[in-house]
Amino acid sequence: MLIALSDVTERRDGVMKFSRNGQSLLVRPPPRKDCSDVQVLMQIRQFLEKSDGPPAGDLKEGAHLLVVPDHREARVFKTGLHGSDPQN
């Protein structure tokens, strides 16, 4: 999900650098598929709070996101709502 919400680069030493709205976060990928280190999860949470919202111009006022997680990744989709009635 961080990849969808920020700019990401991978350094030569394997550390991932996430940048968003002038804030940066360095994260070493976990040895397993899931991230269960509480300290890393708190750093991610603080990074998202400090970067305060989506990058300027990326999402419009009232935009909706759909997050679809699976066992390897989470995909984030921008959705367009055109009314409350389903289209046939």
PDB file of N, CA and C in Angstrom:
ATOM      1  N   MET A   1       0.821  -1.180   0.000  1.00  0.00           N
ATOM      2  CA  MET A   1       0.000   0.000   0.000  1.00  0.00           C
ATOM      3  C   MET A   1       0.875   1.258   0.000  1.00  0.00           C
ATOM      4  N   LEU A   2       2.028   1.191   0.657  1.00  0.00           N
ATOM      5  CA  LEU A   2       2.915   2.355   0.652  1.00  0.00           C
ATOM      6  C   LEU A   2       3.372   2.704  -0.755  1.00  0.00           C
ATOM      7  N   ILE A   3       3.543   1.696  -1.596  1.00  0.00           N
ATOM      8  CA  ILE A   3       3.973   1.950  -2.972  1.00  0.00           C
ATOM      9  C   ILE A   3       2.936   2.778  -3.720  1.00  0.00           C
ATOM     10  N   ALA A   4       1.665   2.531  -3.454  1.00  0.00           N
ATOM     11  CA  ALA A   4       0.597   3.279  -4.124  1.00  0.00           C
ATOM     12  C   ALA A   4       0.452   4.691  -3.582  1.00  0.00           C
ATOM     13  N   LEU A   5       0.847   4.920  -2.343  1.00  0.00           N
ATOM     14  CA  LEU A   5       0.655   6.224  -1.710  1.00  0.00           C
ATOM     15  C   LEU A   5       1.897   7.106  -1.721  1.00  0.00           C
ATOM     16  N   SER A   6       3.039   6.573  -2.164  1.00  0.00           N
ATOM     17  CA  SER A   6       4.269   7.359  -2.121  1.00  0.00           C
ATOM     18  C   SER A   6       5.171   6.976  -3.278  1.00  0.00           C
ATOM     19  N   ASP A   7       6.243   7.752  -3.444  1.00  0.00           N
ATOM     20  CA  ASP A   7       7.280   7.411  -4.414  1.00  0.00           C
ATOM     21  C   ASP A   7       8.258   6.475  -3.714  1.00  0.00           C
ATOM     22  N   VAL A   8       8.663   5.416  -4.400  1.00  0.00           N
ATOM     23  CA  VAL A   8       9.532   4.425  -3.770  1.00  0.00           C
ATOM     24  C   VAL A   8      10.776   4.179  -4.617  1.00  0.00           C
ATOM     25  N   THR A   9      11.898   4.058  -3.948  1.00  0.00           N
ATOM     26  CA  THR A   9      13.148   3.660  -4.589  1.00  0.00           C
ATOM     27  C   THR A   9      13.790   2.588  -3.725  1.00  0.00           C
ATOM     28  N   GLU A  10      14.460   1.650  -4.383  1.00  0.00           N
ATOM     29  CA  GLU A  10      15.169   0.605  -3.650  1.00  0.00           C
ATOM     30  C   GLU A  10      16.662   0.873  -3.752  1.00  0.00           C
ATOM     31  N   ARG A  11      17.302   0.960  -2.610  1.00  0.00           N
ATOM     32  CA  ARG A  11      18.737   1.213  -2.582  1.00  0.00           C
ATOM     33  C   ARG A  11      19.493  -0.088  -2.846  1.00  0.00           C
ATOM     34  N   ARG A  12      20.785   0.028  -3.106  1.00  0.00           N
ATOM     35  CA  ARG A  12      21.609  -1.150  -3.393  1.00  0.00           C
ATOM     36  C   ARG A  12      21.662  -2.127  -2.229  1.00  0.00           C
ATOM     37  N   ASP A  13      21.529  -1.630  -1.012  1.00  0.00           N
ATOM     38  CA  ASP A  13      21.586  -2.509   0.161  1.00  0.00           C
ATOM     39  C   ASP A  13      20.240  -3.159   0.469  1.00  0.00           C
ATOM     40  N   GLY A  14      19.234  -2.974  -0.418  1.00  0.00           N
ATOM     41  CA  GLY A  14      17.934  -3.602  -0.253  1.00  0.00           C
ATOM     42  C   GLY A  14      16.935  -2.790   0.547  1.00  0.00           C
ATOM     43  N   VAL A  15      17.360  -1.675   1.112  1.00  0.00           N
ATOM     44  CA  VAL A  15      16.462  -0.823   1.898  1.00  0.00           C
ATOM     45  C   VAL A  15      15.544  -0.058   0.953  1.00  0.00           C
ATOM     46  N   MET A  16      14.262  -0.011   1.289  1.00  0.00           N
ATOM     47  CA  MET A  16      13.280   0.716   0.482  1.00  0.00           C
ATOM     48  C   MET A  16      13.127   2.127   1.050  1.00  0.00           C
ATOM     49  N   LYS A  17      13.167   3.124   0.159  1.00  0.00           N
ATOM     50  CA  LYS A  17      12.972   4.513   0.570  1.00  0.00           C
ATOM     51  C   LYS A  17      11.640   4.985   0.008  1.00  0.00           C
ATOM     52  N   PHE A  18      10.735   5.373   0.921  1.00  0.00           N
ATOM     53  CA  PHE A  18       9.429   5.889   0.548  1.00  0.00           C
ATOM     54  C   PHE A  18       9.434   7.394   0.772  1.00  0.00           C
ATOM     55  N   SER A  19       8.967   8.158  -0.213  1.00  0.00           N
ATOM     56  CA  SER A  19       8.910   9.621  -0.118  1.00  0.00           C
ATOM     57  C   SER A  19       7.502  10.081  -0.435  1.00  0.00           C
ATOM     58  N   ARG A  20       7.026  11.020   0.382  1.00  0.00           N
ATOM     59  CA  ARG A  20       5.660  11.537   0.190  1.00  0.00           C
ATOM     60  C   ARG A  20       5.555  12.906   0.828  1.00  0.00           C
ATOM     61  N   ASN A  21       5.151  13.896   0.046  1.00  0.00           N
ATOM     62  CA  ASN A  21       4.925  15.260   0.544  1.00  0.00           C
ATOM     63  C   ASN A  21       6.089  15.780   1.385  1.00  0.00           C
ATOM     64  N   GLY A  22       7.307  15.560   0.925  1.00  0.00           N
ATOM     65  CA  GLY A  22       8.483  16.081   1.617  1.00  0.00           C
ATOM     66  C   GLY A  22       8.973  15.229   2.777  1.00  0.00           C
ATOM     67  N   GLN A  23       8.297  14.142   3.088  1.00  0.00           N
ATOM     68  CA  GLN A  23       8.706  13.234   4.166  1.00  0.00           C
ATOM     69  C   GLN A  23       9.323  11.980   3.546  1.00  0.00           C
ATOM     70  N   SER A  24      10.269  11.354   4.264  1.00  0.00           N
ATOM     71  CA  SER A  24      10.907  10.123   3.792  1.00  0.00           C
ATOM     72  C   SER A  24      10.904   9.075   4.892  1.00  0.00           C
ATOM     73  N   LEU A  25      10.873   7.821   4.465  1.00  0.00           N
ATOM     74  CA  LEU A  25      10.911   6.690   5.386  1.00  0.00           C
ATOM     75  C   LEU A  25      11.791   5.617   4.776  1.00  0.00           C
ATOM     76  N   LEU A  26      12.739   5.096   5.561  1.00  0.00           N
ATOM     77  CA  LEU A  26      13.597   3.998   5.129  1.00  0.00           C
ATOM     78  C   LEU A  26      13.150   2.726   5.833  1.00  0.00           C
ATOM     79  N   VAL A  27      12.890   1.671   5.050  1.00  0.00           N
ATOM     80  CA  VAL A  27      12.402   0.411   5.611  1.00  0.00           C
ATOM     81  C   VAL A  27      13.184  -0.744   5.001  1.00  0.00           C
ATOM     82  N   ARG A  28      13.710  -1.599   5.870  1.00  0.00           N
ATOM     83  CA  ARG A  28      14.342  -2.832   5.400  1.00  0.00           C
ATOM     84  C   ARG A  28      13.232  -3.863   5.244  1.00  0.00           C
ATOM     85  N   PRO A  29      13.132  -4.505   4.053  1.00  0.00           N
ATOM     86  CA  PRO A  29      12.069  -5.496   3.856  1.00  0.00           C
ATOM     87  C   PRO A  29      12.149  -6.612   4.896  1.00  0.00           C
ATOM     88  N   PRO A  30      11.005  -7.062   5.408  1.00  0.00           N
ATOM     89  CA  PRO A  30      11.005  -8.127   6.410  1.00  0.00           C
ATOM     90  C   PRO A  30      11.446  -9.451   5.792  1.00  0.00           C
ATOM     91  N   PRO A  31      12.011 -10.351   6.606  1.00  0.00           N
ATOM     92  CA  PRO A  31      12.456 -11.644   6.073  1.00  0.00           C
ATOM     93  C   PRO A  31      11.297 -12.528   5.607  1.00  0.00           C
ATOM     94  N   ARG A  32      10.109 -12.304   6.158  1.00  0.00           N
ATOM     95  CA  ARG A  32       8.918 -13.064   5.748  1.00  0.00           C
ATOM     96  C   ARG A  32       8.005 -12.155   4.937  1.00  0.00           C
ATOM     97  N   LYS A  33       6.911 -12.723   4.478  1.00  0.00           N
ATOM     98  CA  LYS A  33       5.969 -11.962   3.645  1.00  0.00           C
ATOM     99  C   LYS A  33       5.258 -10.860   4.408  1.00  0.00           C
ATOM    100  N   ASP A  34       4.997 -11.095   5.701  1.00  0.00           N
ATOM    101  CA  ASP A  34       4.238 -10.110   6.468  1.00  0.00           C
ATOM    102  C   ASP A  34       5.165  -9.225   7.292  1.00  0.00           C
ATOM    103  N   CYS A  35       4.680  -8.074   7.616  1.00  0.00           N
ATOM    104  CA  CYS A  35       5.427  -7.132   8.451  1.00  0.00           C
ATOM    105  C   CYS A  35       4.817  -7.168   9.845  1.00  0.00           C
ATOM    106  N   SER A  36       5.483  -7.890  10.755  1.00  0.00           N
ATOM    107  CA  SER A  36       4.926  -8.039  12.098  1.00  0.00           C
ATOM    108  C   SER A  36       5.747  -7.310  13.154  1.00  0.00           C
ATOM    109  N   ASP A  37       6.781  -6.583  12.741  1.00  0.00           N
ATOM    110  CA  ASP A  37       7.610  -5.825  13.681  1.00  0.00           C
ATOM    111  C   ASP A  37       6.845  -4.567  14.103  1.00  0.00           C
ATOM    112  N   VAL A  38       6.488  -4.490  15.360  1.00  0.00           N
ATOM    113  CA  VAL A  38       5.677  -3.379  15.859  1.00  0.00           C
ATOM    114  C   VAL A  38       6.377  -2.045  15.654  1.00  0.00           C
ATOM    115  N   GLN A  39       7.676  -1.992  15.845  1.00  0.00           N
ATOM    116  CA  GLN A  39       8.416  -0.739  15.690  1.00  0.00           C
ATOM    117  C   GLN A  39       8.334  -0.242  14.239  1.00  0.00           C
ATOM    118  N   VAL A  40       8.477  -1.146  13.272  1.00  0.00           N
ATOM    119  CA  VAL A  40       8.387  -0.754  11.862  1.00  0.00           C
ATOM    120  C   VAL A  40       6.968  -0.286  11.534  1.00  0.00           C
ATOM    121  N   LEU A  41       5.974  -0.996  12.031  1.00  0.00           N
ATOM    122  CA  LEU A  41       4.587  -0.584  11.787  1.00  0.00           C
ATOM    123  C   LEU A  41       4.306   0.802  12.365  1.00  0.00           C
ATOM    124  N   MET A  42       4.858   1.102  13.536  1.00  0.00           N
ATOM    125  CA  MET A  42       4.681   2.434  14.127  1.00  0.00           C
ATOM    126  C   MET A  42       5.401   3.497  13.289  1.00  0.00           C
ATOM    127  N   GLN A  43       6.579   3.172  12.741  1.00  0.00           N
ATOM    128  CA  GLN A  43       7.287   4.120  11.877  1.00  0.00           C
ATOM    129  C   GLN A  43       6.477   4.409  10.615  1.00  0.00           C
ATOM    130  N   ILE A  44       5.857   3.367  10.052  1.00  0.00           N
ATOM    131  CA  ILE A  44       5.017   3.557   8.861  1.00  0.00           C
ATOM    132  C   ILE A  44       3.818   4.432   9.202  1.00  0.00           C
ATOM    133  N   ARG A  45       3.194   4.160  10.327  1.00  0.00           N
ATOM    134  CA  ARG A  45       2.038   4.963  10.744  1.00  0.00           C
ATOM    135  C   ARG A  45       2.426   6.431  10.931  1.00  0.00           C
ATOM    136  N   GLN A  46       3.541   6.685  11.612  1.00  0.00           N
ATOM    137  CA  GLN A  46       3.992   8.057  11.827  1.00  0.00           C
ATOM    138  C   GLN A  46       4.349   8.729  10.510  1.00  0.00           C
ATOM    139  N   PHE A  47       4.952   7.978   9.574  1.00  0.00           N
ATOM    140  CA  PHE A  47       5.273   8.522   8.255  1.00  0.00           C
ATOM    141  C   PHE A  47       4.007   8.970   7.535  1.00  0.00           C
ATOM    142  N   LEU A  48       2.968   8.125   7.566  1.00  0.00           N
ATOM    143  CA  LEU A  48       1.717   8.480   6.895  1.00  0.00           C
ATOM    144  C   LEU A  48       1.039   9.678   7.554  1.00  0.00           C
ATOM    145  N   GLU A  49       1.098   9.759   8.874  1.00  0.00           N
ATOM    146  CA  GLU A  49       0.513  10.901   9.577  1.00  0.00           C
ATOM    147  C   GLU A  49       1.275  12.185   9.282  1.00  0.00           C
ATOM    148  N   LYS A  50       2.615  12.120   9.272  1.00  0.00           N
ATOM    149  CA  LYS A  50       3.426  13.321   9.006  1.00  0.00           C
ATOM    150  C   LYS A  50       3.261  13.805   7.569  1.00  0.00           C
ATOM    151  N   SER A  51       3.110  12.872   6.635  1.00  0.00           N
ATOM    152  CA  SER A  51       2.994  13.274   5.238  1.00  0.00           C
ATOM    153  C   SER A  51       1.589  13.781   4.908  1.00  0.00           C
ATOM    154  N   ASP A  52       0.643  13.605   5.836  1.00  0.00           N
ATOM    155  CA  ASP A  52      -0.675  14.259   5.832  1.00  0.00           C
ATOM    156  C   ASP A  52      -1.355  14.313   4.483  1.00  0.00           C
ATOM    157  N   GLY A  53      -1.979  13.231   4.089  1.00  0.00           N
ATOM    158  CA  GLY A  53      -2.814  13.225   2.899  1.00  0.00           C
ATOM    159  C   GLY A  53      -2.073  12.841   1.648  1.00  0.00           C
ATOM    160  N   PRO A  54      -2.812  12.732   0.549  1.00  0.00           N
ATOM    161  CA  PRO A  54      -2.218  12.333  -0.722  1.00  0.00           C
ATOM    162  C   PRO A  54      -1.355  13.444  -1.304  1.00  0.00           C
ATOM    163  N   PRO A  55      -0.400  13.100  -2.164  1.00  0.00           N
ATOM    164  CA  PRO A  55       0.409  14.137  -2.815  1.00  0.00           C
ATOM    165  C   PRO A  55      -0.474  15.134  -3.552  1.00  0.00           C
ATOM    166  N   ALA A  56      -0.070  16.379  -3.532  1.00  0.00           N
ATOM    167  CA  ALA A  56      -0.854  17.444  -4.152  1.00  0.00           C
ATOM    168  C   ALA A  56      -1.153  17.123  -5.609  1.00  0.00           C
ATOM    169  N   GLY A  57      -2.406  17.241  -5.988  1.00  0.00           N
ATOM    170  CA  GLY A  57      -2.820  17.022  -7.364  1.00  0.00           C
ATOM    171  C   GLY A  57      -3.030  15.563  -7.722  1.00  0.00           C
ATOM    172  N   ASP A  58      -2.674  14.628  -6.850  1.00  0.00           N
ATOM    173  CA  ASP A  58      -2.815  13.222  -7.171  1.00  0.00           C
ATOM    174  C   ASP A  58      -4.265  12.770  -7.031  1.00  0.00           C
ATOM    175  N   LEU A  59      -4.923  13.184  -5.974  1.00  0.00           N
ATOM    176  CA  LEU A  59      -6.322  12.833  -5.763  1.00  0.00           C
ATOM    177  C   LEU A  59      -7.146  14.111  -5.646  1.00  0.00           C
ATOM    178  N   LYS A  60      -8.288  14.098  -6.275  1.00  0.00           N
ATOM    179  CA  LYS A  60      -9.162  15.261  -6.214  1.00  0.00           C
ATOM    180  C   LYS A  60     -10.034  15.194  -4.973  1.00  0.00           C
ATOM    181  N   GLU A  61     -10.570  16.333  -4.588  1.00  0.00           N
ATOM    182  CA  GLU A  61     -11.499  16.408  -3.463  1.00  0.00           C
ATOM    183  C   GLU A  61     -12.647  15.434  -3.680  1.00  0.00           C
ATOM    184  N   GLY A  62     -12.920  14.618  -2.691  1.00  0.00           N
ATOM    185  CA  GLY A  62     -14.018  13.668  -2.775  1.00  0.00           C
ATOM    186  C   GLY A  62     -13.679  12.379  -3.500  1.00  0.00           C
ATOM    187  N   ALA A  63     -12.407  12.158  -3.865  1.00  0.00           N
ATOM    188  CA  ALA A  63     -12.020  10.921  -4.549  1.00  0.00           C
ATOM    189  C   ALA A  63     -12.130   9.744  -3.590  1.00  0.00           C
ATOM    190  N   HIS A  64     -12.430   8.594  -4.145  1.00  0.00           N
ATOM    191  CA  HIS A  64     -12.568   7.382  -3.350  1.00  0.00           C
ATOM    192  C   HIS A  64     -11.502   6.380  -3.771  1.00  0.00           C
ATOM    193  N   LEU A  65     -10.952   5.663  -2.788  1.00  0.00           N
ATOM    194  CA  LEU A  65      -9.961   4.634  -3.063  1.00  0.00           C
ATOM    195  C   LEU A  65     -10.520   3.282  -2.661  1.00  0.00           C
ATOM    196  N   LEU A  66     -10.164   2.266  -3.421  1.00  0.00           N
ATOM    197  CA  LEU A  66     -10.511   0.887  -3.109  1.00  0.00           C
ATOM    198  C   LEU A  66      -9.200   0.156  -2.865  1.00  0.00           C
ATOM    199  N   VAL A  67      -9.025  -0.415  -1.665  1.00  0.00           N
ATOM    200  CA  VAL A  67      -7.816  -1.157  -1.319  1.00  0.00           C
ATOM    201  C   VAL A  67      -8.150  -2.642  -1.349  1.00  0.00           C
ATOM    202  N   VAL A  68      -7.395  -3.400  -2.168  1.00  0.00           N
ATOM    203  CA  VAL A  68      -7.621  -4.833  -2.315  1.00  0.00           C
ATOM    204  C   VAL A  68      -6.360  -5.568  -1.881  1.00  0.00           C
ATOM    205  N   PRO A  69      -6.339  -6.082  -0.630  1.00  0.00           N
ATOM    206  CA  PRO A  69      -5.160  -6.799  -0.149  1.00  0.00           C
ATOM    207  C   PRO A  69      -5.220  -8.290  -0.489  1.00  0.00           C
ATOM    208  N   ASP A  70      -4.051  -8.885  -0.678  1.00  0.00           N
ATOM    209  CA  ASP A  70      -3.941 -10.328  -0.741  1.00  0.00           C
ATOM    210  C   ASP A  70      -2.705 -10.742   0.048  1.00  0.00           C
ATOM    211  N   HIS A  71      -2.261 -11.967  -0.071  1.00  0.00           N
ATOM    212  CA  HIS A  71      -1.166 -12.434   0.778  1.00  0.00           C
ATOM    213  C   HIS A  71       0.197 -11.864   0.407  1.00  0.00           C
ATOM    214  N   ARG A  72       0.343 -11.247  -0.763  1.00  0.00           N
ATOM    215  CA  ARG A  72       1.628 -10.682  -1.170  1.00  0.00           C
ATOM    216  C   ARG A  72       1.657  -9.169  -1.235  1.00  0.00           C
ATOM    217  N   GLU A  73       0.549  -8.555  -1.525  1.00  0.00           N
ATOM    218  CA  GLU A  73       0.534  -7.114  -1.756  1.00  0.00           C
ATOM    219  C   GLU A  73      -0.861  -6.549  -1.530  1.00  0.00           C
ATOM    220  N   ALA A  74      -0.947  -5.251  -1.564  1.00  0.00           N
ATOM    221  CA  ALA A  74      -2.246  -4.574  -1.530  1.00  0.00           C
ATOM    222  C   ALA A  74      -2.289  -3.638  -2.722  1.00  0.00           C
ATOM    223  N   ARG A  75      -3.329  -3.732  -3.506  1.00  0.00           N
ATOM    224  CA  ARG A  75      -3.498  -2.846  -4.660  1.00  0.00           C
ATOM    225  C   ARG A  75      -4.467  -1.741  -4.285  1.00  0.00           C
ATOM    226  N   VAL A  76      -4.161  -0.520  -4.722  1.00  0.00           N
ATOM    227  CA  VAL A  76      -5.017   0.633  -4.443  1.00  0.00           C
ATOM    228  C   VAL A  76      -5.539   1.154  -5.775  1.00  0.00           C
ATOM    229  N   PHE A  77      -6.860   1.245  -5.886  1.00  0.00           N
ATOM    230  CA  PHE A  77      -7.502   1.716  -7.099  1.00  0.00           C
ATOM    231  C   PHE A  77      -8.267   2.996  -6.798  1.00  0.00           C
ATOM    232  N   LYS A  78      -8.216   3.947  -7.722  1.00  0.00           N
ATOM    233  CA  LYS A  78      -9.051   5.135  -7.641  1.00  0.00           C
ATOM    234  C   LYS A  78     -10.393   4.772  -8.264  1.00  0.00           C
ATOM    235  N   THR A  79     -11.470   5.078  -7.595  1.00  0.00           N
ATOM    236  CA  THR A  79     -12.792   4.745  -8.118  1.00  0.00           C
ATOM    237  C   THR A  79     -13.522   6.011  -8.535  1.00  0.00           C
ATOM    238  N   GLY A  80     -14.366   5.872  -9.518  1.00  0.00           N
ATOM    239  CA  GLY A  80     -15.167   6.993  -9.965  1.00  0.00           C
ATOM    240  C   GLY A  80     -16.633   6.704  -9.690  1.00  0.00           C
ATOM    241  N   LEU A  81     -17.222   7.484  -8.827  1.00  0.00           N
ATOM    242  CA  LEU A  81     -18.638   7.308  -8.517  1.00  0.00           C
ATOM    243  C   LEU A  81     -19.434   8.305  -9.322  1.00  0.00           C
ATOM    244  N   HIS A  82     -20.411   7.811 -10.077  1.00  0.00           N
ATOM    245  CA  HIS A  82     -21.177   8.682 -10.950  1.00  0.00           C
ATOM    246  C   HIS A  82     -22.639   8.769 -10.525  1.00  0.00           C
ATOM    247  N   GLY A  83     -22.940   8.467  -9.302  1.00  0.00           N
ATOM    248  CA  GLY A  83     -24.313   8.467  -8.822  1.00  0.00           C
ATOM    249  C   GLY A  83     -24.551   7.229  -7.978  1.00  0.00           C
ATOM    250  N   SER A  84     -25.701   7.174  -7.364  1.00  0.00           N
ATOM    251  CA  SER A  84     -25.973   6.055  -6.485  1.00  0.00           C
ATOM    252  C   SER A  84     -26.677   4.910  -7.203  1.00  0.00           C
ATOM    253  N   ASP A  85     -27.112   5.111  -8.446  1.00  0.00           N
ATOM    254  CA  ASP A  85     -27.801   4.051  -9.175  1.00  0.00           C
ATOM    255  C   ASP A  85     -26.799   3.244  -9.999  1.00  0.00           C
ATOM    256  N   PRO A  86     -26.858   1.903  -9.912  1.00  0.00           N
ATOM    257  CA  PRO A  86     -25.946   1.092 -10.712  1.00  0.00           C
ATOM    258  C   PRO A  86     -26.252   1.236 -12.203  1.00  0.00           C
ATOM    259  N   GLN A  87     -25.222   1.150 -13.005  1.00  0.00           N
ATOM    260  CA  GLN A  87     -25.369   1.241 -14.457  1.00  0.00           C
ATOM    261  C   GLN A  87     -25.661  -0.139 -15.026  1.00  0.00           C
ATOM    262  N   ASN A  88     -26.586  -0.214 -15.965  1.00  0.00           N
ATOM    263  CA  ASN A  88     -26.910  -1.499 -16.611  1.00  0.00           C
ATOM    264  C   ASN A  88     -26.153  -1.651 -17.898  1.00  0.00           C
TER     265      ASN A  88
END
